[in-house]
């Protein structure tokens, strides 16, 4: 899950943005 999750962001570089957008993206990836 984290692999595809971070892949969408191009890598775990923007941990700050991932934390914010993570909640939205994580929900979509979790369902998918």
N, C-alpha and C. Protein backbone atom coordinates (compact mmCIF):
# COMPACT_ATOMS: atom_id res chain seq x y z
N UNK A 1 0.85 -1.20 0.00
CA UNK A 1 0.00 0.00 0.00
C UNK A 1 0.88 1.25 0.00
N UNK A 2 1.89 1.27 0.85
CA UNK A 2 2.74 2.46 0.92
C UNK A 2 3.51 2.65 -0.39
N UNK A 3 3.90 1.55 -1.03
CA UNK A 3 4.65 1.68 -2.28
C UNK A 3 3.85 2.46 -3.31
N UNK A 4 2.63 2.01 -3.61
CA UNK A 4 1.79 2.71 -4.58
C UNK A 4 1.42 4.09 -4.06
N UNK A 5 1.26 4.18 -2.75
CA UNK A 5 0.88 5.46 -2.13
C UNK A 5 1.96 6.50 -2.37
N UNK A 6 3.22 6.12 -2.07
CA UNK A 6 4.31 7.07 -2.27
C UNK A 6 4.60 7.25 -3.76
N UNK A 7 4.37 6.19 -4.53
CA UNK A 7 4.66 6.26 -5.97
C UNK A 7 3.89 7.41 -6.60
N UNK A 8 2.67 7.60 -6.18
CA UNK A 8 1.85 8.69 -6.73
C UNK A 8 2.50 10.05 -6.46
N UNK A 9 3.23 10.15 -5.38
CA UNK A 9 3.87 11.42 -5.04
C UNK A 9 5.28 11.50 -5.65
N UNK A 10 5.71 10.43 -6.29
CA UNK A 10 7.04 10.43 -6.90
C UNK A 10 8.12 10.12 -5.87
N UNK A 11 7.75 9.52 -4.77
CA UNK A 11 8.73 9.16 -3.75
C UNK A 11 8.44 9.86 -2.43
N UNK A 12 8.85 9.24 -1.32
CA UNK A 12 8.60 9.82 0.01
C UNK A 12 9.49 11.02 0.27
N UNK A 13 9.39 12.02 -0.61
CA UNK A 13 10.21 13.23 -0.44
C UNK A 13 9.44 14.27 0.36
N UNK A 14 8.19 14.48 -0.05
CA UNK A 14 7.38 15.50 0.63
C UNK A 14 6.53 14.85 1.72
N UNK A 15 7.18 14.49 2.81
CA UNK A 15 6.44 13.86 3.91
C UNK A 15 5.35 14.80 4.40
N UNK A 16 5.63 16.09 4.36
CA UNK A 16 4.63 17.07 4.83
C UNK A 16 3.39 17.01 3.96
N UNK A 17 3.59 16.98 2.65
CA UNK A 17 2.42 16.96 1.76
C UNK A 17 1.73 15.61 1.85
N UNK A 18 2.51 14.56 2.01
CA UNK A 18 1.92 13.21 2.10
C UNK A 18 1.03 13.14 3.34
N UNK A 19 1.46 13.78 4.42
CA UNK A 19 0.65 13.76 5.64
C UNK A 19 -0.68 14.44 5.39
N UNK A 20 -0.66 15.55 4.65
CA UNK A 20 -1.89 16.30 4.39
C UNK A 20 -2.72 15.62 3.31
N UNK A 21 -2.09 15.40 2.14
CA UNK A 21 -2.82 14.76 1.04
C UNK A 21 -2.96 13.26 1.29
N UNK A 22 -2.11 12.74 2.14
CA UNK A 22 -2.13 11.30 2.44
C UNK A 22 -3.52 10.84 2.87
N UNK A 23 -4.18 11.63 3.68
CA UNK A 23 -5.51 11.22 4.17
C UNK A 23 -6.47 11.03 3.00
N UNK A 24 -6.37 11.90 2.00
CA UNK A 24 -7.28 11.79 0.85
C UNK A 24 -6.82 10.65 -0.07
N UNK A 25 -5.55 10.65 -0.42
CA UNK A 25 -5.03 9.63 -1.34
C UNK A 25 -5.10 8.26 -0.69
N UNK A 26 -4.74 8.20 0.58
CA UNK A 26 -4.73 6.91 1.28
C UNK A 26 -6.10 6.26 1.21
N UNK A 27 -7.14 7.05 1.35
CA UNK A 27 -8.49 6.49 1.30
C UNK A 27 -8.76 5.89 -0.06
N UNK A 28 -8.37 6.58 -1.11
CA UNK A 28 -8.63 6.09 -2.46
C UNK A 28 -7.81 4.83 -2.73
N UNK A 29 -6.56 4.81 -2.32
CA UNK A 29 -5.71 3.65 -2.57
C UNK A 29 -6.16 2.47 -1.71
N UNK A 30 -6.59 2.75 -0.49
CA UNK A 30 -7.02 1.67 0.39
C UNK A 30 -8.21 0.96 -0.22
N UNK A 31 -9.14 1.73 -0.80
CA UNK A 31 -10.32 1.13 -1.42
C UNK A 31 -9.90 0.39 -2.68
N UNK A 32 -9.01 1.02 -3.45
CA UNK A 32 -8.54 0.38 -4.68
C UNK A 32 -7.58 -0.73 -4.31
